[in-house]
C-alpha cells in the first residue's frame, strides 16, 4: 500500500494542494524535501520533520 502526504496538512496556511506519494516513508521524505524547495525551505527543522512524519498516511 502506498503512502501519501498532503502539503496542506503540514502547513495549512500555505494554500498548497500538492500531494506527495511514495511506497515508503523514505520515499515520502525524499519527495517532500524536493517539494519543500518550491516553498523556499532549504533546511528542515526538527519541528518541521515532526509535522511531516505525523501527517504521512496510507493511501
PDB file of N, CA and C in Angstrom:
ATOM      1  N   UNK A   1       0.848  -1.173   0.000  1.00  0.00           N
ATOM      2  CA  UNK A   1       0.000   0.000   0.000  1.00  0.00           C
ATOM      3  C   UNK A   1       0.897   1.241   0.000  1.00  0.00           C
ATOM      4  N   UNK A   2       0.583   2.217  -0.816  1.00  0.00           N
ATOM      5  CA  UNK A   2       1.411   3.413  -0.896  1.00  0.00           C
ATOM      6  C   UNK A   2       1.050   4.411   0.203  1.00  0.00           C
ATOM      7  N   UNK A   3       1.958   5.349   0.395  1.00  0.00           N
ATOM      8  CA  UNK A   3       1.792   6.364   1.426  1.00  0.00           C
ATOM      9  C   UNK A   3       1.623   7.721   0.755  1.00  0.00           C
ATOM     10  N   UNK A   4       0.953   8.632   1.454  1.00  0.00           N
ATOM     11  CA  UNK A   4       0.744   9.980   0.929  1.00  0.00           C
ATOM     12  C   UNK A   4       0.999  11.010   2.023  1.00  0.00           C
ATOM     13  N   UNK A   5       1.320  12.201   1.561  1.00  0.00           N
ATOM     14  CA  UNK A   5       1.495  13.348   2.440  1.00  0.00           C
ATOM     15  C   UNK A   5       0.915  14.555   1.719  1.00  0.00           C
ATOM     16  N   UNK A   6      -0.049  15.204   2.337  1.00  0.00           N
ATOM     17  CA  UNK A   6      -0.651  16.393   1.751  1.00  0.00           C
ATOM     18  C   UNK A   6       0.061  17.618   2.309  1.00  0.00           C
ATOM     19  N   UNK A   7       0.587  18.442   1.437  1.00  0.00           N
ATOM     20  CA  UNK A   7       1.311  19.636   1.853  1.00  0.00           C
ATOM     21  C   UNK A   7       0.449  20.502   2.767  1.00  0.00           C
ATOM     22  N   UNK A   8      -0.814  20.630   2.438  1.00  0.00           N
ATOM     23  CA  UNK A   8      -1.705  21.496   3.221  1.00  0.00           C
ATOM     24  C   UNK A   8      -1.907  20.994   4.647  1.00  0.00           C
ATOM     25  N   UNK A   9      -1.661  19.706   4.890  1.00  0.00           N
ATOM     26  CA  UNK A   9      -1.781  19.177   6.251  1.00  0.00           C
ATOM     27  C   UNK A   9      -0.561  19.561   7.088  1.00  0.00           C
ATOM     28  N   UNK A  10       0.583  19.666   6.438  1.00  0.00           N
ATOM     29  CA  UNK A  10       1.814  20.047   7.138  1.00  0.00           C
ATOM     30  C   UNK A  10       1.773  21.532   7.482  1.00  0.00           C
ATOM     31  N   UNK A  11       1.321  22.350   6.524  1.00  0.00           N
ATOM     32  CA  UNK A  11       1.203  23.793   6.753  1.00  0.00           C
ATOM     33  C   UNK A  11      -0.106  24.286   6.145  1.00  0.00           C
ATOM     34  N   UNK A  12      -1.170  24.304   6.950  1.00  0.00           N
ATOM     35  CA  UNK A  12      -2.479  24.725   6.435  1.00  0.00           C
ATOM     36  C   UNK A  12      -2.494  26.151   5.887  1.00  0.00           C
ATOM     37  N   UNK A  13      -1.580  26.997   6.303  1.00  0.00           N
ATOM     38  CA  UNK A  13      -1.557  28.379   5.821  1.00  0.00           C
ATOM     39  C   UNK A  13      -0.930  28.508   4.436  1.00  0.00           C
ATOM     40  N   UNK A  14      -0.327  27.432   3.937  1.00  0.00           N
ATOM     41  CA  UNK A  14       0.387  27.504   2.660  1.00  0.00           C
ATOM     42  C   UNK A  14      -0.556  27.637   1.466  1.00  0.00           C
ATOM     43  N   UNK A  15      -1.768  27.100   1.590  1.00  0.00           N
ATOM     44  CA  UNK A  15      -2.692  27.107   0.461  1.00  0.00           C
ATOM     45  C   UNK A  15      -2.265  26.160  -0.640  1.00  0.00           C
ATOM     46  N   UNK A  16      -1.318  25.287  -0.347  1.00  0.00           N
ATOM     47  CA  UNK A  16      -0.763  24.373  -1.345  1.00  0.00           C
ATOM     48  C   UNK A  16      -1.532  23.053  -1.328  1.00  0.00           C
ATOM     49  N   UNK A  17      -1.945  22.596  -2.489  1.00  0.00           N
ATOM     50  CA  UNK A  17      -2.691  21.348  -2.612  1.00  0.00           C
ATOM     51  C   UNK A  17      -1.838  20.189  -3.110  1.00  0.00           C
ATOM     52  N   UNK A  18      -0.508  20.366  -3.096  1.00  0.00           N
ATOM     53  CA  UNK A  18       0.400  19.323  -3.588  1.00  0.00           C
ATOM     54  C   UNK A  18       0.314  18.084  -2.708  1.00  0.00           C
ATOM     55  N   UNK A  19       0.314  16.917  -3.335  1.00  0.00           N
ATOM     56  CA  UNK A  19       0.284  15.644  -2.619  1.00  0.00           C
ATOM     57  C   UNK A  19       1.528  14.859  -2.988  1.00  0.00           C
ATOM     58  N   UNK A  20       2.280  14.470  -1.970  1.00  0.00           N
ATOM     59  CA  UNK A  20       3.486  13.663  -2.147  1.00  0.00           C
ATOM     60  C   UNK A  20       3.070  12.203  -2.015  1.00  0.00           C
ATOM     61  N   UNK A  21       3.525  11.370  -2.953  1.00  0.00           N
ATOM     62  CA  UNK A  21       3.208   9.949  -2.909  1.00  0.00           C
ATOM     63  C   UNK A  21       4.498   9.136  -2.934  1.00  0.00           C
ATOM     64  N   UNK A  22       4.452   7.970  -2.290  1.00  0.00           N
ATOM     65  CA  UNK A  22       5.601   7.075  -2.308  1.00  0.00           C
ATOM     66  C   UNK A  22       5.236   5.736  -1.711  1.00  0.00           C
ATOM     67  N   UNK A  23       6.115   4.763  -1.933  1.00  0.00           N
ATOM     68  CA  UNK A  23       5.868   3.424  -1.406  1.00  0.00           C
ATOM     69  C   UNK A  23       6.297   3.285   0.045  1.00  0.00           C
ATOM     70  N   UNK A  24       7.281   4.089   0.462  1.00  0.00           N
ATOM     71  CA  UNK A  24       7.806   4.001   1.822  1.00  0.00           C
ATOM     72  C   UNK A  24       7.882   5.398   2.434  1.00  0.00           C
ATOM     73  N   UNK A  25       8.082   5.445   3.740  1.00  0.00           N
ATOM     74  CA  UNK A  25       8.265   6.735   4.402  1.00  0.00           C
ATOM     75  C   UNK A  25       9.490   7.444   3.847  1.00  0.00           C
ATOM     76  N   UNK A  26      10.529   6.696   3.531  1.00  0.00           N
ATOM     77  CA  UNK A  26      11.746   7.289   2.973  1.00  0.00           C
ATOM     78  C   UNK A  26      11.452   7.959   1.631  1.00  0.00           C
ATOM     79  N   UNK A  27      10.621   7.306   0.798  1.00  0.00           N
ATOM     80  CA  UNK A  27      10.211   7.909  -0.486  1.00  0.00           C
ATOM     81  C   UNK A  27       9.494   9.231  -0.241  1.00  0.00           C
ATOM     82  N   UNK A  28       8.576   9.227   0.713  1.00  0.00           N
ATOM     83  CA  UNK A  28       7.805  10.430   1.025  1.00  0.00           C
ATOM     84  C   UNK A  28       8.737  11.541   1.490  1.00  0.00           C
ATOM     85  N   UNK A  29       9.646  11.228   2.400  1.00  0.00           N
ATOM     86  CA  UNK A  29      10.556  12.248   2.929  1.00  0.00           C
ATOM     87  C   UNK A  29      11.444  12.823   1.828  1.00  0.00           C
ATOM     88  N   UNK A  30      11.925  11.974   0.947  1.00  0.00           N
ATOM     89  CA  UNK A  30      12.781  12.438  -0.151  1.00  0.00           C
ATOM     90  C   UNK A  30      11.988  13.342  -1.098  1.00  0.00           C
ATOM     91  N   UNK A  31      10.787  12.912  -1.479  1.00  0.00           N
ATOM     92  CA  UNK A  31       9.958  13.703  -2.394  1.00  0.00           C
ATOM     93  C   UNK A  31       9.454  14.990  -1.734  1.00  0.00           C
ATOM     94  N   UNK A  32       9.171  14.928  -0.444  1.00  0.00           N
ATOM     95  CA  UNK A  32       8.736  16.129   0.277  1.00  0.00           C
ATOM     96  C   UNK A  32       9.859  17.153   0.350  1.00  0.00           C
ATOM     97  N   UNK A  33      11.088  16.686   0.502  1.00  0.00           N
ATOM     98  CA  UNK A  33      12.234  17.612   0.548  1.00  0.00           C
ATOM     99  C   UNK A  33      12.380  18.357  -0.772  1.00  0.00           C
ATOM    100  N   UNK A  34      12.160  17.649  -1.874  1.00  0.00           N
ATOM    101  CA  UNK A  34      12.218  18.291  -3.190  1.00  0.00           C
ATOM    102  C   UNK A  34      11.108  19.336  -3.300  1.00  0.00           C
ATOM    103  N   UNK A  35       9.897  18.971  -2.882  1.00  0.00           N
ATOM    104  CA  UNK A  35       8.770  19.901  -2.952  1.00  0.00           C
ATOM    105  C   UNK A  35       8.977  21.098  -2.023  1.00  0.00           C
ATOM    106  N   UNK A  36       9.558  20.878  -0.864  1.00  0.00           N
ATOM    107  CA  UNK A  36       9.761  21.963   0.106  1.00  0.00           C
ATOM    108  C   UNK A  36      10.582  23.102  -0.489  1.00  0.00           C
ATOM    109  N   UNK A  37      11.477  22.781  -1.406  1.00  0.00           N
ATOM    110  CA  UNK A  37      12.295  23.818  -2.046  1.00  0.00           C
ATOM    111  C   UNK A  37      11.431  24.803  -2.825  1.00  0.00           C
ATOM    112  N   UNK A  38      10.273  24.326  -3.323  1.00  0.00           N
ATOM    113  CA  UNK A  38       9.349  25.220  -4.028  1.00  0.00           C
ATOM    114  C   UNK A  38       8.756  26.261  -3.077  1.00  0.00           C
ATOM    115  N   UNK A  39       8.765  25.955  -1.786  1.00  0.00           N
ATOM    116  CA  UNK A  39       8.279  26.880  -0.761  1.00  0.00           C
ATOM    117  C   UNK A  39       9.428  27.683  -0.149  1.00  0.00           C
ATOM    118  N   UNK A  40      10.637  27.513  -0.686  1.00  0.00           N
ATOM    119  CA  UNK A  40      11.790  28.238  -0.172  1.00  0.00           C
ATOM    120  C   UNK A  40      12.390  27.617   1.079  1.00  0.00           C
ATOM    121  N   UNK A  41      12.026  26.378   1.379  1.00  0.00           N
ATOM    122  CA  UNK A  41      12.557  25.696   2.555  1.00  0.00           C
ATOM    123  C   UNK A  41      13.789  24.905   2.127  1.00  0.00           C
ATOM    124  N   UNK A  42      14.935  25.269   2.671  1.00  0.00           N
ATOM    125  CA  UNK A  42      16.175  24.586   2.321  1.00  0.00           C
ATOM    126  C   UNK A  42      16.768  23.841   3.501  1.00  0.00           C
ATOM    127  N   UNK A  43      16.272  24.133   4.704  1.00  0.00           N
ATOM    128  CA  UNK A  43      16.736  23.431   5.897  1.00  0.00           C
ATOM    129  C   UNK A  43      15.519  22.921   6.653  1.00  0.00           C
ATOM    130  N   UNK A  44      15.516  21.635   6.911  1.00  0.00           N
ATOM    131  CA  UNK A  44      14.387  21.018   7.600  1.00  0.00           C
ATOM    132  C   UNK A  44      14.675  21.008   9.102  1.00  0.00           C
ATOM    133  N   UNK A  45      13.838  21.699   9.830  1.00  0.00           N
ATOM    134  CA  UNK A  45      13.991  21.744  11.284  1.00  0.00           C
ATOM    135  C   UNK A  45      13.385  20.486  11.908  1.00  0.00           C
ATOM    136  N   UNK A  46      13.774  20.164  13.129  1.00  0.00           N
ATOM    137  CA  UNK A  46      13.149  19.013  13.801  1.00  0.00           C
ATOM    138  C   UNK A  46      11.633  19.168  13.930  1.00  0.00           C
ATOM    139  N   UNK A  47      11.166  20.383  14.140  1.00  0.00           N
ATOM    140  CA  UNK A  47       9.730  20.624  14.260  1.00  0.00           C
ATOM    141  C   UNK A  47       9.004  20.343  12.948  1.00  0.00           C
ATOM    142  N   UNK A  48       9.597  20.781  11.845  1.00  0.00           N
ATOM    143  CA  UNK A  48       9.003  20.524  10.537  1.00  0.00           C
ATOM    144  C   UNK A  48       8.997  19.031  10.250  1.00  0.00           C
ATOM    145  N   UNK A  49      10.098  18.354  10.544  1.00  0.00           N
ATOM    146  CA  UNK A  49      10.170  16.911  10.314  1.00  0.00           C
ATOM    147  C   UNK A  49       9.107  16.175  11.130  1.00  0.00           C
ATOM    148  N   UNK A  50       8.869  16.631  12.339  1.00  0.00           N
ATOM    149  CA  UNK A  50       7.845  16.029  13.186  1.00  0.00           C
ATOM    150  C   UNK A  50       6.459  16.192  12.559  1.00  0.00           C
ATOM    151  N   UNK A  51       6.168  17.406  12.049  1.00  0.00           N
ATOM    152  CA  UNK A  51       4.863  17.651  11.405  1.00  0.00           C
ATOM    153  C   UNK A  51       4.708  16.806  10.143  1.00  0.00           C
ATOM    154  N   UNK A  52       5.793  16.695   9.378  1.00  0.00           N
ATOM    155  CA  UNK A  52       5.743  15.892   8.151  1.00  0.00           C
ATOM    156  C   UNK A  52       5.439  14.445   8.491  1.00  0.00           C
ATOM    157  N   UNK A  53       6.214  13.865   9.393  1.00  0.00           N
ATOM    158  CA  UNK A  53       6.036  12.448   9.745  1.00  0.00           C
ATOM    159  C   UNK A  53       4.645  12.185  10.344  1.00  0.00           C
ATOM    160  N   UNK A  54       4.132  13.140  11.102  1.00  0.00           N
ATOM    161  CA  UNK A  54       2.817  12.967  11.729  1.00  0.00           C
ATOM    162  C   UNK A  54       1.689  12.963  10.702  1.00  0.00           C
ATOM    163  N   UNK A  55       1.947  13.513   9.519  1.00  0.00           N
ATOM    164  CA  UNK A  55       0.889  13.615   8.506  1.00  0.00           C
ATOM    165  C   UNK A  55       1.019  12.624   7.356  1.00  0.00           C
ATOM    166  N   UNK A  56       1.982  11.723   7.421  1.00  0.00           N
ATOM    167  CA  UNK A  56       2.087  10.672   6.407  1.00  0.00           C
ATOM    168  C   UNK A  56       1.049   9.604   6.743  1.00  0.00           C
ATOM    169  N   UNK A  57       0.284   9.205   5.742  1.00  0.00           N
ATOM    170  CA  UNK A  57      -0.698   8.148   5.980  1.00  0.00           C
ATOM    171  C   UNK A  57      -0.810   7.224   4.766  1.00  0.00           C
ATOM    172  N   UNK A  58      -1.451   6.090   4.987  1.00  0.00           N
ATOM    173  CA  UNK A  58      -1.662   5.115   3.916  1.00  0.00           C
ATOM    174  C   UNK A  58      -2.708   5.647   2.951  1.00  0.00           C
ATOM    175  N   UNK A  59      -2.510   5.353   1.682  1.00  0.00           N
ATOM    176  CA  UNK A  59      -3.471   5.786   0.663  1.00  0.00           C
ATOM    177  C   UNK A  59      -4.601   4.795   0.550  1.00  0.00           C
TER     178      UNK A  59
END
